[in-house]
Amino acid sequence: MLKWILTLVIAIFLLGIIAPHAARFIRFGKLPGDIACRFRGRTYYLPFTTTILFSLILLLISRFI
């Protein structure tokens, strides 16, 4: 159990480091269907299409593993 928790913590840590840098090259979040709302000086992003796309990619990866 401890190994799984440690693996999960390390994976989340690495993903947190890699994700901002990868976002520069992969333009997810600005797909058609993603909504950006401006309210009281703040911008809120609702990435519907990106979420669906990532879910499908993770589903395909999990099916092959």
PDB file of N, CA and C in Angstrom:
ATOM      1  N   MET A   1       0.827  -1.201   0.000  1.00  0.00           N
ATOM      2  CA  MET A   1       0.000   0.000   0.000  1.00  0.00           C
ATOM      3  C   MET A   1       0.863   1.254   0.000  1.00  0.00           C
ATOM      4  N   LEU A   2       1.931   1.202   0.780  1.00  0.00           N
ATOM      5  CA  LEU A   2       2.820   2.355   0.870  1.00  0.00           C
ATOM      6  C   LEU A   2       3.514   2.626  -0.465  1.00  0.00           C
ATOM      7  N   LYS A   3       3.836   1.557  -1.203  1.00  0.00           N
ATOM      8  CA  LYS A   3       4.482   1.727  -2.503  1.00  0.00           C
ATOM      9  C   LYS A   3       3.561   2.456  -3.474  1.00  0.00           C
ATOM     10  N   TRP A   4       2.268   2.132  -3.455  1.00  0.00           N
ATOM     11  CA  TRP A   4       1.305   2.781  -4.354  1.00  0.00           C
ATOM     12  C   TRP A   4       1.153   4.261  -4.014  1.00  0.00           C
ATOM     13  N   ILE A   5       1.099   4.563  -2.742  1.00  0.00           N
ATOM     14  CA  ILE A   5       0.961   5.969  -2.329  1.00  0.00           C
ATOM     15  C   ILE A   5       2.207   6.755  -2.716  1.00  0.00           C
ATOM     16  N   LEU A   6       3.379   6.163  -2.503  1.00  0.00           N
ATOM     17  CA  LEU A   6       4.622   6.825  -2.872  1.00  0.00           C
ATOM     18  C   LEU A   6       4.705   7.030  -4.384  1.00  0.00           C
ATOM     19  N   THR A   7       4.300   6.038  -5.147  1.00  0.00           N
ATOM     20  CA  THR A   7       4.296   6.155  -6.602  1.00  0.00           C
ATOM     21  C   THR A   7       3.336   7.243  -7.057  1.00  0.00           C
ATOM     22  N   LEU A   8       2.176   7.293  -6.454  1.00  0.00           N
ATOM     23  CA  LEU A   8       1.187   8.316  -6.801  1.00  0.00           C
ATOM     24  C   LEU A   8       1.697   9.717  -6.483  1.00  0.00           C
ATOM     25  N   VAL A   9       2.317   9.899  -5.340  1.00  0.00           N
ATOM     26  CA  VAL A   9       2.860  11.203  -4.954  1.00  0.00           C
ATOM     27  C   VAL A   9       3.960  11.632  -5.918  1.00  0.00           C
ATOM     28  N   ILE A  10       4.843  10.712  -6.274  1.00  0.00           N
ATOM     29  CA  ILE A  10       5.919  11.044  -7.209  1.00  0.00           C
ATOM     30  C   ILE A  10       5.360  11.379  -8.586  1.00  0.00           C
ATOM     31  N   ALA A  11       4.359  10.624  -9.047  1.00  0.00           N
ATOM     32  CA  ALA A  11       3.755  10.892 -10.353  1.00  0.00           C
ATOM     33  C   ALA A  11       3.075  12.251 -10.378  1.00  0.00           C
ATOM     34  N   ILE A  12       2.353  12.598  -9.329  1.00  0.00           N
ATOM     35  CA  ILE A  12       1.692  13.905  -9.269  1.00  0.00           C
ATOM     36  C   ILE A  12       2.731  15.020  -9.216  1.00  0.00           C
ATOM     37  N   PHE A  13       3.800  14.815  -8.483  1.00  0.00           N
ATOM     38  CA  PHE A  13       4.868  15.804  -8.404  1.00  0.00           C
ATOM     39  C   PHE A  13       5.503  16.042  -9.775  1.00  0.00           C
ATOM     40  N   LEU A  14       5.838  14.949 -10.465  1.00  0.00           N
ATOM     41  CA  LEU A  14       6.449  15.084 -11.788  1.00  0.00           C
ATOM     42  C   LEU A  14       5.492  15.699 -12.793  1.00  0.00           C
ATOM     43  N   LEU A  15       4.223  15.317 -12.729  1.00  0.00           N
ATOM     44  CA  LEU A  15       3.228  15.899 -13.622  1.00  0.00           C
ATOM     45  C   LEU A  15       3.082  17.402 -13.372  1.00  0.00           C
ATOM     46  N   GLY A  16       3.148  17.805 -12.117  1.00  0.00           N
ATOM     47  CA  GLY A  16       3.067  19.223 -11.779  1.00  0.00           C
ATOM     48  C   GLY A  16       4.245  20.021 -12.315  1.00  0.00           C
ATOM     49  N   ILE A  17       5.396  19.383 -12.403  1.00  0.00           N
ATOM     50  CA  ILE A  17       6.572  20.059 -12.943  1.00  0.00           C
ATOM     51  C   ILE A  17       6.531  20.090 -14.466  1.00  0.00           C
ATOM     52  N   ILE A  18       6.124  18.981 -15.077  1.00  0.00           N
ATOM     53  CA  ILE A  18       6.170  18.853 -16.535  1.00  0.00           C
ATOM     54  C   ILE A  18       5.004  19.560 -17.228  1.00  0.00           C
ATOM     55  N   ALA A  19       3.831  19.565 -16.631  1.00  0.00           N
ATOM     56  CA  ALA A  19       2.618  20.064 -17.286  1.00  0.00           C
ATOM     57  C   ALA A  19       2.723  21.516 -17.772  1.00  0.00           C
ATOM     58  N   PRO A  20       3.207  22.460 -16.980  1.00  0.00           N
ATOM     59  CA  PRO A  20       3.284  23.839 -17.494  1.00  0.00           C
ATOM     60  C   PRO A  20       4.210  23.985 -18.698  1.00  0.00           C
ATOM     61  N   HIS A  21       5.291  23.216 -18.711  1.00  0.00           N
ATOM     62  CA  HIS A  21       6.226  23.299 -19.832  1.00  0.00           C
ATOM     63  C   HIS A  21       5.649  22.629 -21.075  1.00  0.00           C
ATOM     64  N   ALA A  22       4.941  21.531 -20.887  1.00  0.00           N
ATOM     65  CA  ALA A  22       4.320  20.828 -22.014  1.00  0.00           C
ATOM     66  C   ALA A  22       3.153  21.635 -22.584  1.00  0.00           C
ATOM     67  N   ALA A  23       2.525  22.446 -21.762  1.00  0.00           N
ATOM     68  CA  ALA A  23       1.376  23.230 -22.222  1.00  0.00           C
ATOM     69  C   ALA A  23       1.783  24.273 -23.269  1.00  0.00           C
ATOM     70  N   ARG A  24       3.039  24.672 -23.258  1.00  0.00           N
ATOM     71  CA  ARG A  24       3.503  25.624 -24.272  1.00  0.00           C
ATOM     72  C   ARG A  24       3.526  25.004 -25.665  1.00  0.00           C
ATOM     73  N   PHE A  25       3.862  23.725 -25.714  1.00  0.00           N
ATOM     74  CA  PHE A  25       3.986  23.045 -26.999  1.00  0.00           C
ATOM     75  C   PHE A  25       2.674  22.418 -27.446  1.00  0.00           C
ATOM     76  N   ILE A  26       1.893  21.922 -26.506  1.00  0.00           N
ATOM     77  CA  ILE A  26       0.612  21.293 -26.824  1.00  0.00           C
ATOM     78  C   ILE A  26      -0.470  22.305 -26.482  1.00  0.00           C
ATOM     79  N   ARG A  27      -1.191  22.767 -27.462  1.00  0.00           N
ATOM     80  CA  ARG A  27      -2.159  23.840 -27.260  1.00  0.00           C
ATOM     81  C   ARG A  27      -3.542  23.328 -26.867  1.00  0.00           C
ATOM     82  N   PHE A  28      -3.593  22.375 -25.944  1.00  0.00           N
ATOM     83  CA  PHE A  28      -4.880  21.968 -25.406  1.00  0.00           C
ATOM     84  C   PHE A  28      -5.386  23.096 -24.524  1.00  0.00           C
ATOM     85  N   GLY A  29      -6.687  23.203 -24.373  1.00  0.00           N
ATOM     86  CA  GLY A  29      -7.270  24.267 -23.581  1.00  0.00           C
ATOM     87  C   GLY A  29      -7.771  25.407 -24.437  1.00  0.00           C
ATOM     88  N   LYS A  30      -7.402  25.397 -25.702  1.00  0.00           N
ATOM     89  CA  LYS A  30      -7.888  26.414 -26.625  1.00  0.00           C
ATOM     90  C   LYS A  30      -8.553  25.750 -27.818  1.00  0.00           C
ATOM     91  N   LEU A  31      -9.163  24.610 -27.557  1.00  0.00           N
ATOM     92  CA  LEU A  31      -9.865  23.881 -28.605  1.00  0.00           C
ATOM     93  C   LEU A  31     -11.268  24.447 -28.776  1.00  0.00           C
ATOM     94  N   PRO A  32     -11.890  24.197 -29.923  1.00  0.00           N
ATOM     95  CA  PRO A  32     -13.294  24.608 -30.076  1.00  0.00           C
ATOM     96  C   PRO A  32     -14.150  23.856 -29.050  1.00  0.00           C
ATOM     97  N   GLY A  33     -14.965  24.564 -28.345  1.00  0.00           N
ATOM     98  CA  GLY A  33     -15.780  23.957 -27.295  1.00  0.00           C
ATOM     99  C   GLY A  33     -15.287  24.295 -25.902  1.00  0.00           C
ATOM    100  N   ASP A  34     -14.072  24.800 -25.799  1.00  0.00           N
ATOM    101  CA  ASP A  34     -13.561  25.286 -24.517  1.00  0.00           C
ATOM    102  C   ASP A  34     -14.047  26.718 -24.339  1.00  0.00           C
ATOM    103  N   ILE A  35     -14.532  27.018 -23.155  1.00  0.00           N
ATOM    104  CA  ILE A  35     -15.168  28.314 -22.905  1.00  0.00           C
ATOM    105  C   ILE A  35     -14.298  29.130 -21.958  1.00  0.00           C
ATOM    106  N   ALA A  36     -14.116  30.385 -22.283  1.00  0.00           N
ATOM    107  CA  ALA A  36     -13.423  31.327 -21.409  1.00  0.00           C
ATOM    108  C   ALA A  36     -14.408  32.452 -21.082  1.00  0.00           C
ATOM    109  N   CYS A  37     -14.722  32.614 -19.798  1.00  0.00           N
ATOM    110  CA  CYS A  37     -15.657  33.653 -19.356  1.00  0.00           C
ATOM    111  C   CYS A  37     -14.903  34.694 -18.542  1.00  0.00           C
ATOM    112  N   ARG A  38     -15.229  35.927 -18.762  1.00  0.00           N
ATOM    113  CA  ARG A  38     -14.637  37.019 -17.991  1.00  0.00           C
ATOM    114  C   ARG A  38     -15.707  37.563 -17.059  1.00  0.00           C
ATOM    115  N   PHE A  39     -15.411  37.556 -15.748  1.00  0.00           N
ATOM    116  CA  PHE A  39     -16.385  37.993 -14.760  1.00  0.00           C
ATOM    117  C   PHE A  39     -15.657  38.770 -13.666  1.00  0.00           C
ATOM    118  N   ARG A  40     -16.021  40.022 -13.502  1.00  0.00           N
ATOM    119  CA  ARG A  40     -15.451  40.904 -12.483  1.00  0.00           C
ATOM    120  C   ARG A  40     -13.929  40.970 -12.549  1.00  0.00           C
ATOM    121  N   GLY A  41     -13.402  41.077 -13.752  1.00  0.00           N
ATOM    122  CA  GLY A  41     -11.968  41.248 -13.915  1.00  0.00           C
ATOM    123  C   GLY A  41     -11.165  39.959 -13.907  1.00  0.00           C
ATOM    124  N   ARG A  42     -11.821  38.826 -13.736  1.00  0.00           N
ATOM    125  CA  ARG A  42     -11.115  37.551 -13.750  1.00  0.00           C
ATOM    126  C   ARG A  42     -11.570  36.733 -14.937  1.00  0.00           C
ATOM    127  N   THR A  43     -10.681  35.904 -15.435  1.00  0.00           N
ATOM    128  CA  THR A  43     -11.021  35.023 -16.543  1.00  0.00           C
ATOM    129  C   THR A  43     -11.120  33.603 -16.016  1.00  0.00           C
ATOM    130  N   TYR A  44     -12.245  32.956 -16.298  1.00  0.00           N
ATOM    131  CA  TYR A  44     -12.488  31.584 -15.884  1.00  0.00           C
ATOM    132  C   TYR A  44     -12.519  30.707 -17.130  1.00  0.00           C
ATOM    133  N   TYR A  45     -11.760  29.615 -17.091  1.00  0.00           N
ATOM    134  CA  TYR A  45     -11.703  28.702 -18.222  1.00  0.00           C
ATOM    135  C   TYR A  45     -12.512  27.454 -17.902  1.00  0.00           C
ATOM    136  N   LEU A  46     -13.336  27.041 -18.841  1.00  0.00           N
ATOM    137  CA  LEU A  46     -14.122  25.821 -18.725  1.00  0.00           C
ATOM    138  C   LEU A  46     -13.744  24.933 -19.917  1.00  0.00           C
ATOM    139  N   PRO A  47     -12.747  24.077 -19.734  1.00  0.00           N
ATOM    140  CA  PRO A  47     -12.217  23.301 -20.860  1.00  0.00           C
ATOM    141  C   PRO A  47     -13.008  22.011 -21.109  1.00  0.00           C
ATOM    142  N   PHE A  48     -14.215  22.132 -21.635  1.00  0.00           N
ATOM    143  CA  PHE A  48     -15.062  20.962 -21.855  1.00  0.00           C
ATOM    144  C   PHE A  48     -14.456  20.010 -22.891  1.00  0.00           C
ATOM    145  N   THR A  49     -14.081  20.513 -24.027  1.00  0.00           N
ATOM    146  CA  THR A  49     -13.554  19.672 -25.098  1.00  0.00           C
ATOM    147  C   THR A  49     -12.214  19.054 -24.702  1.00  0.00           C
ATOM    148  N   THR A  50     -11.376  19.813 -24.056  1.00  0.00           N
ATOM    149  CA  THR A  50     -10.084  19.291 -23.619  1.00  0.00           C
ATOM    150  C   THR A  50     -10.269  18.157 -22.615  1.00  0.00           C
ATOM    151  N   THR A  51     -11.220  18.306 -21.698  1.00  0.00           N
ATOM    152  CA  THR A  51     -11.488  17.271 -20.707  1.00  0.00           C
ATOM    153  C   THR A  51     -11.967  15.991 -21.367  1.00  0.00           C
ATOM    154  N   ILE A  52     -12.858  16.113 -22.331  1.00  0.00           N
ATOM    155  CA  ILE A  52     -13.361  14.939 -23.044  1.00  0.00           C
ATOM    156  C   ILE A  52     -12.232  14.277 -23.825  1.00  0.00           C
ATOM    157  N   LEU A  53     -11.394  15.074 -24.469  1.00  0.00           N
ATOM    158  CA  LEU A  53     -10.283  14.531 -25.241  1.00  0.00           C
ATOM    159  C   LEU A  53      -9.289  13.795 -24.345  1.00  0.00           C
ATOM    160  N   PHE A  54      -8.915  14.390 -23.216  1.00  0.00           N
ATOM    161  CA  PHE A  54      -8.012  13.725 -22.285  1.00  0.00           C
ATOM    162  C   PHE A  54      -8.622  12.450 -21.729  1.00  0.00           C
ATOM    163  N   SER A  55      -9.923  12.455 -21.461  1.00  0.00           N
ATOM    164  CA  SER A  55     -10.588  11.257 -20.956  1.00  0.00           C
ATOM    165  C   SER A  55     -10.526  10.125 -21.978  1.00  0.00           C
ATOM    166  N   LEU A  56     -10.750  10.466 -23.245  1.00  0.00           N
ATOM    167  CA  LEU A  56     -10.671   9.449 -24.287  1.00  0.00           C
ATOM    168  C   LEU A  56      -9.256   8.910 -24.454  1.00  0.00           C
ATOM    169  N   ILE A  57      -8.269   9.784 -24.377  1.00  0.00           N
ATOM    170  CA  ILE A  57      -6.872   9.346 -24.489  1.00  0.00           C
ATOM    171  C   ILE A  57      -6.507   8.425 -23.333  1.00  0.00           C
ATOM    172  N   LEU A  58      -6.897   8.799 -22.117  1.00  0.00           N
ATOM    173  CA  LEU A  58      -6.604   7.952 -20.961  1.00  0.00           C
ATOM    174  C   LEU A  58      -7.356   6.625 -21.034  1.00  0.00           C
ATOM    175  N   LEU A  59      -8.565   6.627 -21.566  1.00  0.00           N
ATOM    176  CA  LEU A  59      -9.325   5.396 -21.737  1.00  0.00           C
ATOM    177  C   LEU A  59      -8.616   4.461 -22.710  1.00  0.00           C
ATOM    178  N   LEU A  60      -8.137   5.017 -23.825  1.00  0.00           N
ATOM    179  CA  LEU A  60      -7.427   4.193 -24.811  1.00  0.00           C
ATOM    180  C   LEU A  60      -6.118   3.636 -24.231  1.00  0.00           C
ATOM    181  N   ILE A  61      -5.409   4.458 -23.489  1.00  0.00           N
ATOM    182  CA  ILE A  61      -4.163   3.993 -22.876  1.00  0.00           C
ATOM    183  C   ILE A  61      -4.444   2.884 -21.871  1.00  0.00           C
ATOM    184  N   SER A  62      -5.473   3.052 -21.054  1.00  0.00           N
ATOM    185  CA  SER A  62      -5.788   2.040 -20.049  1.00  0.00           C
ATOM    186  C   SER A  62      -6.267   0.731 -20.678  1.00  0.00           C
ATOM    187  N   ARG A  63      -6.911   0.802 -21.847  1.00  0.00           N
ATOM    188  CA  ARG A  63      -7.352  -0.414 -22.534  1.00  0.00           C
ATOM    189  C   ARG A  63      -6.176  -1.212 -23.085  1.00  0.00           C
ATOM    190  N   PHE A  64      -5.119  -0.509 -23.505  1.00  0.00           N
ATOM    191  CA  PHE A  64      -3.963  -1.195 -24.054  1.00  0.00           C
ATOM    192  C   PHE A  64      -3.051  -1.765 -22.979  1.00  0.00           C
ATOM    193  N   ILE A  65      -3.128  -1.220 -21.788  1.00  0.00           N
ATOM    194  CA  ILE A  65      -2.279  -1.699 -20.694  1.00  0.00           C
ATOM    195  C   ILE A  65      -2.963  -2.782 -19.976  1.00  0.00           C
TER     196      ILE A  65
END
